[in-house]
Protein backbone atom coordinates (compact mmCIF):
# COMPACT_ATOMS: atom_id res chain seq x y z
CA MET A 1 16.32 -40.37 35.56
CA ASN A 2 17.46 -36.83 35.91
CA ARG A 3 19.53 -36.60 33.34
CA LEU A 4 16.74 -38.26 30.81
CA ILE A 5 14.34 -35.50 31.86
CA ILE A 6 17.07 -33.15 31.01
CA ILE A 7 17.80 -34.46 28.12
CA VAL A 8 13.84 -35.01 26.67
CA PHE A 9 13.84 -30.97 27.92
CA ALA A 10 16.17 -29.85 25.88
CA ILE A 11 14.71 -31.74 22.79
CA PHE A 12 11.62 -29.76 23.13
CA PHE A 13 13.27 -26.69 24.21
CA HIS A 14 15.31 -26.85 21.27
CA ALA A 15 12.31 -27.52 18.67
CA VAL A 16 10.02 -25.00 20.34
CA ALA A 17 12.91 -22.67 19.88
CA GLY A 18 13.53 -23.20 16.65
CA ALA A 19 9.51 -23.34 15.06
CA SER A 20 8.54 -20.84 13.18
CA PRO A 21 6.12 -18.52 15.19
CA SER A 22 2.55 -18.82 13.89
CA MET A 23 1.31 -16.07 11.74
CA PRO A 24 -1.10 -13.64 13.75
CA GLN A 25 -4.92 -13.98 12.79
CA PRO A 26 -6.48 -11.08 11.31
CA LYS A 27 -9.08 -9.11 13.64
CA VAL A 28 -12.67 -9.22 11.63
CA VAL A 29 -14.66 -6.43 12.11
CA LYS A 30 -18.27 -6.65 10.22
CA ILE A 31 -18.60 -3.32 8.85
CA ASN A 32 -22.33 -5.06 6.94
CA GLU A 33 -23.28 -7.52 5.38
CA ARG A 34 -21.18 -7.96 2.84
CA VAL A 35 -18.37 -5.91 3.53
CA TYR A 36 -15.35 -7.04 6.20
CA ALA A 37 -12.24 -5.36 7.31
CA LEU A 38 -9.36 -8.04 8.18
CA LEU A 39 -6.90 -6.12 10.28
CA GLY A 40 -3.79 -7.16 10.47
CA PRO A 41 -1.25 -6.52 13.55
CA MET A 42 0.73 -3.60 13.88
CA GLY A 43 3.92 -3.62 13.23
CA GLN A 44 6.69 -4.16 10.27
CA PRO A 45 7.22 -7.34 8.72
CA SER A 46 9.00 -9.78 11.10
CA ALA A 47 9.76 -13.73 11.45
CA HIS A 48 7.31 -12.72 15.03
CA ASN A 49 4.43 -11.79 12.65
CA GLN A 50 5.86 -13.83 9.36
CA GLY A 51 5.53 -10.54 7.17
CA TYR A 52 1.51 -9.90 8.18
CA MET A 53 1.30 -6.85 9.30
CA VAL A 54 -1.68 -4.95 6.38
CA ASN A 55 -4.97 -4.48 6.64
CA SER A 56 -7.23 -5.90 3.63
CA THR A 57 -10.93 -5.48 3.04
CA VAL A 58 -13.28 -8.14 1.82
CA ILE A 59 -16.13 -7.40 -0.44
CA ILE A 60 -18.58 -10.28 -0.83
CA GLY A 61 -20.45 -10.07 -4.28
CA ASP A 62 -23.08 -12.00 -6.19
CA GLN A 63 -20.63 -14.73 -7.10
CA GLY A 64 -17.66 -13.91 -5.94
CA VAL A 65 -15.45 -11.58 -3.56
CA ILE A 66 -13.46 -8.63 -3.99
CA LEU A 67 -10.20 -8.54 -2.00
CA ILE A 68 -8.61 -4.80 -1.58
CA ASP A 69 -4.67 -5.45 -0.63
CA SER A 70 -3.13 -9.17 -0.97
CA GLY A 71 -0.74 -9.36 1.67
CA ALA A 72 3.20 -9.52 1.99
CA SER A 73 3.45 -13.19 0.91
CA ASP A 74 2.12 -16.11 -0.83
CA GLU A 75 2.48 -17.41 2.71
CA VAL A 76 0.03 -14.22 4.05
CA GLY A 77 -2.06 -14.27 1.01
CA ASN A 78 -3.22 -18.18 1.92
CA HIS A 79 -3.37 -17.05 5.20
CA LEU A 80 -6.29 -13.93 4.17
CA GLY A 81 -7.68 -17.03 1.89
CA LYS A 82 -8.55 -19.04 5.12
CA ALA A 83 -10.35 -15.96 6.74
CA ILE A 84 -12.27 -15.29 4.09
CA ALA A 85 -13.32 -19.02 3.97
CA LYS A 86 -14.63 -18.54 6.91
CA LEU A 87 -16.89 -15.65 5.93
CA THR A 88 -18.23 -17.25 3.16
CA THR A 89 -17.76 -20.04 0.32
CA LYS A 90 -17.24 -17.74 -2.68
CA PRO A 91 -14.20 -17.68 -4.29
CA VAL A 92 -12.20 -14.45 -4.71
CA THR A 93 -12.61 -13.16 -7.97
CA HIS A 94 -11.33 -9.86 -7.98
CA VAL A 95 -8.13 -8.33 -6.01
CA ILE A 96 -7.52 -4.79 -5.69
CA ASN A 97 -3.88 -2.92 -4.94
CA THR A 98 -3.75 0.33 -3.29
CA HIS A 99 -0.51 1.18 -4.02
CA HIS A 100 2.96 -1.08 -4.94
CA HIS A 101 4.18 -1.70 -1.95
CA GLY A 102 5.25 -5.18 -1.33
CA ASP A 103 3.05 -5.89 2.16
CA HIS A 104 -0.28 -4.87 -0.27
CA VAL A 105 0.50 -6.61 -3.46
CA LEU A 106 2.58 -9.80 -2.79
CA GLY A 107 -0.12 -12.07 -2.05
CA ASN A 108 -1.71 -11.34 -5.52
CA ILE A 109 -0.30 -14.73 -6.53
CA VAL A 110 -2.43 -17.01 -4.22
CA PHE A 111 -5.19 -15.87 -6.34
CA GLY A 112 -4.36 -16.86 -9.78
CA LYS A 113 -7.97 -16.75 -11.27
CA ALA A 114 -8.56 -13.47 -9.96
CA GLU A 115 -8.63 -10.00 -12.07
CA ILE A 116 -5.84 -7.83 -10.81
CA ILE A 117 -6.46 -4.12 -10.40
CA SER A 118 -4.35 -1.16 -10.02
CA SER A 119 -3.18 2.12 -10.99
CA GLU A 120 -1.41 2.20 -13.97
CA ILE A 121 1.71 3.39 -12.00
CA CYS A 122 1.55 1.01 -9.30
CA ARG A 123 1.51 -1.81 -12.40
CA GLU A 124 4.52 -0.46 -13.36
CA MET A 125 6.02 0.29 -10.05
CA VAL A 126 5.15 -4.01 -9.11
CA ASN A 127 6.62 -4.83 -12.34
CA LYS A 128 9.87 -2.62 -11.83
CA THR A 129 10.54 -3.03 -7.52
CA GLY A 130 8.60 -6.03 -7.00
CA ASP A 131 11.40 -8.70 -6.85
CA GLU A 132 13.10 -5.85 -4.38
CA TRP A 133 10.34 -6.26 -2.40
CA VAL A 134 10.27 -10.07 -2.41
CA ALA A 135 14.04 -9.67 -0.92
CA LEU A 136 13.29 -7.21 1.55
CA VAL A 137 10.41 -9.52 2.84
CA GLU A 138 12.57 -12.48 2.89
CA SER A 139 15.14 -10.84 4.72
CA LEU A 140 12.86 -9.17 7.78
CA VAL A 141 10.69 -12.51 8.23
CA GLY A 142 13.81 -14.32 7.84
CA HIS A 143 13.17 -17.39 5.54
CA LYS A 144 12.75 -17.73 2.11
CA LEU A 145 9.53 -17.14 -0.23
CA PRO A 146 10.29 -19.28 -3.15
CA ASN A 147 6.44 -19.68 -3.86
CA THR A 148 6.42 -15.66 -4.24
CA ARG A 149 6.19 -13.43 -7.02
CA PRO A 150 5.18 -10.09 -7.85
CA VAL A 151 1.92 -10.21 -9.92
CA PRO A 152 0.82 -6.54 -11.59
CA ALA A 153 -2.39 -5.81 -12.51
CA SER A 154 -4.14 -6.75 -15.37
CA VAL A 155 -6.64 -3.74 -15.49
CA THR A 156 -5.70 -0.36 -14.50
CA TYR A 157 -6.69 3.47 -14.13
CA ALA A 158 -4.66 5.62 -15.33
CA GLY A 159 -4.21 9.45 -14.80
CA GLU A 160 -4.04 11.42 -11.60
CA ASN A 161 -6.62 13.03 -9.55
CA THR A 162 -9.16 10.63 -11.95
CA ARG A 163 -12.48 8.63 -10.26
CA THR A 164 -13.86 5.92 -12.45
CA GLU A 165 -17.16 4.04 -11.23
CA ARG A 166 -17.43 0.38 -11.91
CA THR A 167 -19.90 -2.41 -10.88
CA ILE A 168 -18.46 -6.38 -10.37
CA GLN A 169 -19.97 -8.82 -8.88
CA GLY A 170 -23.20 -6.45 -8.49
CA ILE A 171 -21.26 -3.95 -5.95
CA ARG A 172 -20.92 -0.40 -7.09
CA LEU A 173 -17.24 0.66 -6.76
CA GLU A 174 -15.40 4.31 -7.29
CA PHE A 175 -11.78 3.81 -8.30
CA TRP A 176 -10.18 7.12 -7.32
CA VAL A 177 -6.47 8.07 -8.44
CA PRO A 178 -5.55 10.97 -6.29
CA THR A 179 -2.46 13.27 -7.46
CA GLY A 180 0.38 10.94 -6.30
CA SER A 181 0.86 11.13 -2.08
CA HIS A 182 2.26 8.23 -0.34
CA THR A 183 3.39 6.63 -3.43
CA ALA A 184 3.10 7.62 -7.42
CA GLY A 185 0.47 5.44 -7.52
CA ASP A 186 -1.82 4.97 -5.17
CA MET A 187 -5.74 4.28 -5.67
CA MET A 188 -8.18 4.68 -3.19
CA VAL A 189 -11.92 2.52 -3.59
CA TYR A 190 -14.99 3.46 -2.30
CA LEU A 191 -18.48 2.11 -1.83
CA PRO A 192 -20.79 4.54 -2.57
CA GLU A 193 -24.10 2.40 -1.02
CA ASP A 194 -21.95 1.10 2.00
CA LYS A 195 -20.35 4.27 2.60
CA VAL A 196 -16.82 2.77 3.19
CA LEU A 197 -13.67 3.78 1.42
CA VAL A 198 -10.55 2.14 1.69
CA GLY A 199 -7.61 4.08 2.05
CA GLY A 200 -4.60 2.34 1.80
CA ASP A 201 -1.42 3.74 3.41
CA ILE A 202 -2.45 7.31 2.51
CA LEU A 203 -4.56 6.81 5.70
CA VAL A 204 -3.37 5.28 8.54
CA ASN A 205 -4.56 5.06 12.35
CA HIS A 206 -2.39 5.03 15.53
CA THR A 207 0.79 4.26 13.63
CA ILE A 208 3.30 7.20 11.87
CA PRO A 209 2.67 8.00 7.74
CA VAL A 210 5.83 6.82 6.16
CA MET A 211 6.67 9.31 3.61
CA ARG A 212 10.14 7.84 2.30
CA GLU A 213 8.60 7.52 -1.32
CA ALA A 214 6.05 10.76 -0.40
CA LEU A 215 4.47 13.36 -2.51
CA VAL A 216 4.06 15.47 0.84
CA LYS A 217 2.21 18.47 -0.06
CA ASN A 218 0.15 16.55 -2.58
CA TRP A 219 -0.79 13.89 0.48
CA VAL A 220 -1.85 16.78 2.29
CA GLY A 221 -4.39 17.77 -0.20
CA THR A 222 -5.41 14.49 -0.81
CA LEU A 223 -6.67 14.13 3.28
CA GLU A 224 -8.27 17.51 2.37
CA GLN A 225 -10.40 15.68 -0.28
CA VAL A 226 -10.97 12.80 1.34
CA ARG A 227 -13.45 14.33 3.20
CA THR A 228 -15.54 14.99 0.72
CA PHE A 229 -16.82 11.83 0.58
CA ASP A 230 -19.72 10.45 2.36
CA ALA A 231 -17.81 7.81 4.43
CA LYS A 232 -19.18 6.94 7.41
CA THR A 233 -16.31 4.08 8.03
CA ILE A 234 -12.67 4.32 6.49
CA VAL A 235 -10.38 1.23 6.37
CA PRO A 236 -6.84 2.38 6.70
CA GLY A 237 -3.66 0.77 5.41
CA HIS A 238 -3.12 0.17 8.77
CA GLY A 239 -4.01 0.40 12.09
CA PRO A 240 -8.13 0.58 13.48
CA LEU A 241 -10.87 1.51 11.40
CA MET A 242 -11.21 5.13 10.74
CA LYS A 243 -13.79 8.17 11.22
CA GLN A 244 -13.81 11.44 9.25
CA GLU A 245 -12.45 13.29 12.67
CA ASP A 246 -9.49 10.83 12.15
CA VAL A 247 -8.99 11.52 8.91
CA SER A 248 -8.93 15.69 9.92
CA ARG A 249 -6.71 14.72 13.06
CA LEU A 250 -4.40 13.14 10.55
CA GLN A 251 -4.68 16.18 7.80
CA ARG A 252 -3.85 18.49 10.13
CA GLN A 253 -0.73 16.64 11.56
CA MET A 254 0.26 16.42 8.16
CA ALA A 255 -0.53 20.00 7.01
CA ALA A 256 2.02 21.32 10.55
CA PHE A 257 4.86 19.12 9.67
CA TYR A 258 5.03 19.93 6.01
CA ALA A 259 4.71 23.44 7.23
CA GLY A 260 7.33 23.31 10.12
CA ILE A 261 9.93 21.52 7.53
CA GLU A 262 8.88 24.45 5.23
CA ALA A 263 9.77 27.32 7.64
CA GLY A 264 13.04 25.83 8.61
CA TYR A 265 13.99 25.81 5.51
CA LYS A 266 13.23 28.88 4.75
CA LYS A 267 15.53 30.08 7.99
CA GLY A 268 18.28 28.63 6.35
CA LEU A 269 18.22 25.32 8.98
CA SER A 270 19.48 21.63 7.50
CA ASP A 271 16.96 19.43 8.14
CA SER A 272 19.09 18.06 11.36
CA GLU A 273 18.15 21.58 12.40
CA THR A 274 14.54 21.48 11.45
CA ARG A 275 13.99 18.01 12.99
CA LYS A 276 15.04 19.52 16.37
CA LYS A 277 12.14 22.45 16.02
CA LEU A 278 9.93 20.48 15.16
CA ASP A 279 6.85 20.08 17.32
CA VAL A 280 5.86 15.80 16.74
CA ARG A 281 4.56 15.60 20.37
CA GLU A 282 1.36 13.69 18.35
CA TRP A 283 3.43 11.55 16.85
CA LYS A 284 5.88 10.09 19.28
CA LYS A 285 3.23 8.06 20.90
CA LEU A 286 2.85 6.16 17.40
CA GLU A 287 3.80 3.51 16.05
CA GLY A 288 7.02 3.17 14.07
CA PHE A 289 7.80 7.10 15.20
CA ASP A 290 11.41 6.28 15.81
CA ALA A 291 12.12 4.08 13.08
CA ASN A 292 10.62 6.56 10.46
CA ILE A 293 10.47 10.08 11.79
CA GLY A 294 14.13 10.74 10.27
CA GLY A 295 13.05 9.62 6.96
CA ASN A 296 9.79 11.52 6.27
CA VAL A 297 12.05 14.83 7.67
CA SER A 298 14.57 14.25 5.03
CA ARG A 299 11.95 13.41 2.33
CA THR A 300 9.80 16.15 3.05
CA TYR A 301 13.12 18.38 3.62
CA LEU A 302 13.74 17.51 0.14
CA GLU A 303 10.46 18.27 -1.70
CA VAL A 304 10.54 21.53 0.18
CA GLU A 305 13.91 22.65 -1.55
CA GLN A 306 13.18 21.36 -4.76
CA ALA A 307 9.70 23.70 -4.87
CA SER A 308 12.10 26.14 -4.56
CA PHE A 309 13.69 25.96 -7.47
């Protein structure tokens, strides 16, 4: 009998250990009767979160839903679709991508009948790097994603620091393509009637901003412009909802970071020497510090160096 119990327990343990972790549920925050934030967990895509770690915004219009940022795979896109179905029976008719990184765009494929919207540069980057992002997400979550492929936008907004107003499903939207910041092809979405700003990864909260593809000095200037919006609620790309005072704090931190690296460069210090002199005590408390601080320093140092030529 004891041997049988051990065998049964071993089989059960093996099954549990081999089972894929379930995808975390989004934290649903009702902003008003028609705007909801679906806040994903913090961290990088992994086997633990199955690639779900992004914030999305759901806007319920007259006949359909506008979804901002669709997740890192078809699996995440379907996961978000189920969460949306609990809020409304209306279909997703429009998907907006704030930038080209895979955790924000690879769920597009789930919403095949929807109009996909992004900046022009974002569409170019999805076409150029989308397959690389699929491979990266597969490696991080630990399994193949045969039903995930990059789907670029069908409607785009070009230029830098341009603002375009459009009404979709009875909702007034303002598409703001700032000067390249977190990426060269960022786009933010403002809902003037709701006083809601959706920032993508230009705006992050409780996690360190990632600068590996950034134009850091531009990013600091973009954060200054964010403060001109009459936004009562701000949805960042990652982390809890923000207020304008949170944006001001992020702007101050990034401005100090850039200035510190610029000062180190002017003193003839290398990037590693500059890193040792930076005051990053506030950022040390944030998610992703160890994984990203080195890349942030290197990217910013290179930008400062190029600006000096």
